[in-house]
Protein backbone atom coordinates (compact mmCIF):
# COMPACT_ATOMS: atom_id res chain seq x y z
CA UNK A 1 -0.30 0.13 -0.13
CA UNK A 2 1.13 3.96 -1.05
CA UNK A 3 1.33 6.31 1.94
CA UNK A 4 0.70 10.35 0.89
CA UNK A 5 3.87 12.33 1.48
CA UNK A 6 1.69 15.05 3.25
CA UNK A 7 4.86 17.55 3.56
CA UNK A 8 4.37 17.89 -0.22
CA UNK A 9 0.35 18.56 -0.41
CA UNK A 10 0.64 20.83 3.05
CA UNK A 11 1.08 24.17 1.37
CA UNK A 12 -2.39 23.79 -0.99
CA UNK A 13 -4.22 21.55 1.58
CA UNK A 14 -6.34 24.35 2.27
CA UNK A 15 -6.98 25.60 -1.33
CA UNK A 16 -9.64 22.39 -1.45
CA UNK A 17 -12.81 24.46 -0.36
CA UNK A 18 -15.29 21.70 -0.32
CA UNK A 19 -12.61 20.57 2.55
CA UNK A 20 -13.63 24.46 4.78
CA UNK A 21 -17.58 24.45 3.37
CA UNK A 22 -18.77 21.14 4.69
CA UNK A 23 -17.07 21.75 8.34
CA UNK A 24 -20.30 22.27 10.65
CA UNK A 25 -20.57 21.75 14.33
CA UNK A 26 -19.87 18.28 14.93
CA UNK A 27 -23.39 16.92 16.00
CA UNK A 28 -21.84 13.77 17.46
CA UNK A 29 -19.43 15.54 19.85
CA UNK A 30 -22.77 17.99 20.96
CA UNK A 31 -24.72 14.81 21.59
CA UNK A 32 -22.15 13.40 23.57
CA UNK A 33 -21.43 16.57 25.91
CA UNK A 34 -25.35 16.61 26.55
CA UNK A 35 -25.36 12.93 27.44
CA UNK A 36 -22.46 13.35 30.13
CA UNK A 37 -22.46 15.79 32.34
CA UNK A 38 -19.26 17.05 33.42
CA UNK A 39 -16.64 19.80 34.62
CA UNK A 40 -14.48 19.14 31.89
CA UNK A 41 -14.09 16.55 28.99
CA UNK A 42 -10.87 15.18 26.95
CA UNK A 43 -11.02 15.60 23.13
CA UNK A 44 -8.55 14.31 20.18
CA UNK A 45 -8.69 15.10 16.94
CA UNK A 46 -6.92 12.20 15.00
CA UNK A 47 -4.94 12.90 12.31
CA UNK A 48 -5.52 17.01 12.83
CA UNK A 49 -4.14 17.72 9.52
CA UNK A 50 -4.11 21.49 9.22
CA UNK A 51 -6.64 21.86 12.08
CA UNK A 52 -9.75 22.73 9.87
CA UNK A 53 -12.04 20.35 12.13
CA UNK A 54 -10.49 22.23 15.52
CA UNK A 55 -10.30 25.50 14.29
CA UNK A 56 -14.64 25.03 13.46
CA UNK A 57 -15.06 23.32 16.57
CA UNK A 58 -13.45 24.96 19.20
CA UNK A 59 -15.51 28.04 18.11
CA UNK A 60 -18.70 26.60 18.16
CA UNK A 61 -18.31 24.66 21.25
CA UNK A 62 -16.93 27.71 23.12
CA UNK A 63 -17.73 28.29 26.89
CA UNK A 64 -18.01 24.55 27.31
CA UNK A 65 -14.62 23.22 29.41
CA UNK A 66 -13.01 21.09 26.20
CA UNK A 67 -9.69 20.33 26.73
CA UNK A 68 -8.77 20.04 22.64
CA UNK A 69 -5.78 18.06 21.53
CA UNK A 70 -4.87 17.03 18.29
CA UNK A 71 -2.10 14.15 16.55
CA UNK A 72 -0.61 14.26 13.51
CA UNK A 73 2.34 12.34 11.65
CA UNK A 74 3.20 15.70 9.44
CA UNK A 75 4.99 17.90 10.86
CA UNK A 76 4.08 20.07 8.04
CA UNK A 77 0.52 19.79 8.51
CA UNK A 78 0.85 20.63 12.08
CA UNK A 79 2.43 23.91 11.89
CA UNK A 80 -0.64 24.95 9.51
CA UNK A 81 -3.27 23.75 12.53
CA UNK A 82 -1.18 25.84 14.93
CA UNK A 83 -1.45 29.31 12.96
CA UNK A 84 -4.98 28.41 13.22
CA UNK A 85 -5.84 27.05 16.80
CA UNK A 86 -4.86 28.33 20.39
CA UNK A 87 -5.01 26.65 23.67
CA UNK A 88 -5.29 23.20 21.87
CA UNK A 89 -2.71 20.53 22.63
CA UNK A 90 -0.95 19.69 18.78
CA UNK A 91 0.84 16.28 18.90
CA UNK A 92 3.49 14.76 15.99
CA UNK A 93 2.91 11.25 16.36
CA UNK A 94 1.36 7.81 15.11
CA UNK A 95 -2.18 6.43 15.19
CA UNK A 96 -0.19 2.97 15.41
CA UNK A 97 1.41 4.47 18.83
CA UNK A 98 -0.62 7.09 20.16
CA UNK A 99 1.67 9.14 22.60
CA UNK A 100 -1.11 9.26 25.70
CA UNK A 101 -1.61 7.21 28.48
CA UNK A 102 -4.45 4.63 28.52
CA UNK A 103 -8.06 5.61 29.24
CA UNK A 104 -8.08 9.36 28.31
CA UNK A 105 -10.06 10.46 26.33
CA UNK A 106 -14.42 11.15 26.22
CA UNK A 107 -14.29 11.89 22.46
CA UNK A 108 -12.04 10.66 19.58
CA UNK A 109 -12.40 11.95 15.86
CA UNK A 110 -10.93 10.60 12.76
CA UNK A 111 -11.88 12.50 9.82
CA UNK A 112 -10.48 11.46 6.42
CA UNK A 113 -7.90 9.66 7.73
CA UNK A 114 -8.42 5.95 8.22
CA UNK A 115 -7.59 5.14 4.90
CA UNK A 116 -3.96 6.20 5.51
CA UNK A 117 -3.12 3.84 8.29
CA UNK A 118 -0.63 0.96 7.15
CA UNK A 119 -1.65 -1.15 10.38
CA UNK A 120 -5.11 -0.03 10.52
CA UNK A 121 -5.53 -3.51 13.13
CA UNK A 122 -3.03 -1.95 15.85
CA UNK A 123 -4.49 2.03 15.11
CA UNK A 124 -7.90 0.36 16.25
CA UNK A 125 -6.24 -1.12 18.95
CA UNK A 126 -4.36 2.15 20.28
CA UNK A 127 -7.64 4.08 19.70
CA UNK A 128 -9.28 1.17 21.88
CA UNK A 129 -6.86 1.75 24.76
CA UNK A 130 -6.60 5.81 24.97
CA UNK A 131 -10.46 6.13 24.82
CA UNK A 132 -11.96 5.94 28.19
CA UNK A 133 -15.02 3.50 28.93
CA UNK A 134 -18.53 4.97 27.66
CA UNK A 135 -16.28 7.45 25.73
CA UNK A 136 -16.65 7.48 21.95
CA UNK A 137 -15.30 6.90 19.12
CA UNK A 138 -16.23 8.57 15.36
CA UNK A 139 -14.72 7.15 12.37
CA UNK A 140 -15.63 9.83 9.56
CA UNK A 141 -14.91 8.77 5.92
CA UNK A 142 -15.82 8.31 2.46
CA UNK A 143 -17.07 5.27 1.45
CA UNK A 144 -15.12 4.55 -1.90
CA UNK A 145 -16.74 0.96 -2.18
CA UNK A 146 -20.23 3.09 -2.99
CA UNK A 147 -18.64 5.64 -5.29
CA UNK A 148 -17.87 4.56 -8.74
CA UNK A 149 -18.52 7.12 -10.67
CA UNK A 150 -16.68 9.89 -8.31
CA UNK A 151 -15.14 12.44 -10.92
CA UNK A 152 -11.48 11.34 -9.80
CA UNK A 153 -12.46 7.78 -10.54
CA UNK A 154 -13.54 9.04 -14.21
CA UNK A 155 -10.46 11.38 -14.96
CA UNK A 156 -8.14 9.28 -12.93
CA UNK A 157 -8.99 5.18 -13.28
CA UNK A 158 -5.83 4.34 -11.92
CA UNK A 159 -6.59 6.12 -8.08
CA UNK A 160 -9.54 3.84 -7.99
CA UNK A 161 -7.38 1.34 -7.81
CA UNK A 162 -4.71 2.69 -5.18
CA UNK A 163 -7.85 3.43 -2.93
CA UNK A 164 -9.30 -0.54 -3.19
CA UNK A 165 -5.77 -0.96 -1.80
CA UNK A 166 -5.57 1.36 1.02
CA UNK A 167 -9.50 1.42 2.36
CA UNK A 168 -11.51 -1.07 4.05
CA UNK A 169 -15.17 -1.92 3.16
CA UNK A 170 -17.85 -0.49 5.77
CA UNK A 171 -18.54 -4.11 6.66
CA UNK A 172 -14.81 -4.81 7.90
CA UNK A 173 -14.54 -1.64 9.77
CA UNK A 174 -17.67 -2.59 11.63
CA UNK A 175 -16.68 -6.12 12.67
CA UNK A 176 -13.27 -4.91 13.52
CA UNK A 177 -14.98 -2.37 15.61
CA UNK A 178 -17.10 -4.79 17.30
CA UNK A 179 -14.08 -7.58 18.14
CA UNK A 180 -12.79 -4.71 20.51
CA UNK A 181 -15.92 -4.34 22.25
CA UNK A 182 -17.03 -1.07 20.68
CA UNK A 183 -20.72 -0.65 20.40
CA UNK A 184 -21.41 0.64 17.12
CA UNK A 185 -24.08 2.46 15.15
CA UNK A 186 -23.17 3.53 11.52
CA UNK A 187 -24.07 6.13 9.31
CA UNK A 188 -23.82 6.99 5.59
CA UNK A 189 -24.72 9.39 3.36
CA UNK A 190 -25.00 9.19 -0.25
CA UNK A 191 -25.48 11.12 -3.46
CA UNK A 192 -25.69 10.95 -6.89
CA UNK A 193 -25.97 14.47 -9.31
CA UNK A 194 -24.47 16.14 -12.50
CA UNK A 195 -21.62 18.26 -12.12
CA UNK A 196 -19.91 20.62 -14.01
CA UNK A 197 -16.30 19.59 -14.94
CA UNK A 198 -15.13 23.42 -14.88
CA UNK A 199 -16.01 23.61 -11.28
CA UNK A 200 -13.22 20.45 -10.38
CA UNK A 201 -10.42 20.81 -12.95
CA UNK A 202 -8.69 23.31 -10.40
CA UNK A 203 -8.62 20.26 -7.78
CA UNK A 204 -7.36 18.30 -9.71
CA UNK A 205 -4.75 21.03 -10.87
CA UNK A 206 -4.01 21.64 -6.83
CA UNK A 207 -3.46 17.95 -6.71
CA UNK A 208 -4.29 18.12 -2.89
CA UNK A 209 -6.45 15.07 -3.25
CA UNK A 210 -4.02 12.25 -1.64
CA UNK A 211 -4.97 9.80 -4.21
CA UNK A 212 -3.95 11.70 -6.62
CA UNK A 213 -0.34 11.75 -5.39
CA UNK A 214 0.12 7.96 -5.22
CA UNK A 215 -0.62 7.46 -9.37
CA UNK A 216 1.96 7.75 -11.76
CA UNK A 217 2.89 11.32 -12.89
CA UNK A 218 1.69 10.18 -16.54
CA UNK A 219 -1.81 8.80 -15.12
CA UNK A 220 -2.17 12.55 -13.60
CA UNK A 221 -1.31 14.35 -16.63
CA UNK A 222 -3.54 12.08 -18.71
CA UNK A 223 -6.42 12.36 -16.26
CA UNK A 224 -5.69 16.17 -15.97
CA UNK A 225 -5.17 16.72 -19.96
CA UNK A 226 -8.40 14.56 -20.55
CA UNK A 227 -10.33 17.23 -17.98
CA UNK A 228 -8.87 20.06 -20.35
CA UNK A 229 -9.67 18.46 -23.72
CA UNK A 230 -13.37 17.84 -21.90
CA UNK A 231 -13.88 21.82 -21.46
CA UNK A 232 -12.24 22.64 -25.25
CA UNK A 233 -15.13 20.67 -26.92
CA UNK A 234 -17.77 22.10 -24.57
CA UNK A 235 -17.49 24.63 -22.05
CA UNK A 236 -20.45 23.24 -19.85
CA UNK A 237 -19.86 20.00 -19.90
CA UNK A 238 -21.17 17.97 -17.44
CA UNK A 239 -20.74 14.23 -15.86
CA UNK A 240 -22.26 11.77 -13.31
CA UNK A 241 -20.77 12.20 -9.90
CA UNK A 242 -21.77 9.87 -7.14
CA UNK A 243 -19.90 10.52 -3.25
CA UNK A 244 -20.68 8.39 -0.47
CA UNK A 245 -19.83 8.77 3.17
CA UNK A 246 -19.90 6.62 6.22
CA UNK A 247 -19.75 7.52 10.12
CA UNK A 248 -19.09 4.89 12.71
CA UNK A 249 -20.23 6.17 16.03
CA UNK A 250 -18.51 3.50 18.37
CA UNK A 251 -19.02 3.67 22.58
CA UNK A 252 -15.56 2.03 24.05
CA UNK A 253 -17.78 -0.38 26.20
């Protein structure tokens, strides 16, 4: 399995407006806080990247005594996060060896990152270890097995081949969480729509989508040229695009 070198895309990562536009109040975190009245809470954003999630949630949960932490394997991404958020414990480290004591966190968020972990079994073991009893681990990711018509795969078919090597399907993730004693709720969101190719070509040019860094330069250039060629033929060209997201809300028993 190939891995993404995030130091090469850290500067461009926040240029993808979809990443910031989709961030809203984390209702699962709010539900946890509402259901567990405590003087303070320990929260970890696992693989926090440039801090987009933390920046939004710290502001939206202002007034609630949450001790925020963020962990990431990329020092360059953490440097970007440090520019965004204050009073957050940002730590360089790896999910397979989380540098915290056992039973520390009430809530762990894990957004768009699980597929990057080389040793996913060890990652889940570590997540379970640092989570408190009755704490919640929220895994949120795209569900690539449910979205074969994603525009990325349409123009860069070798990206689909790479993702199939990196992503566990939802059934496997569910069973691995159950095996570790979690009580698991699985939700999915799916949409299919017609999208304008012109609205997405700059995302391809930015090459900040992790799988586009894993395919060969030749495959990348071929796909980008195909997008541009399609737009020359028809500047208003639309294609069918589907997109799926999966949410695992897992309580440690």
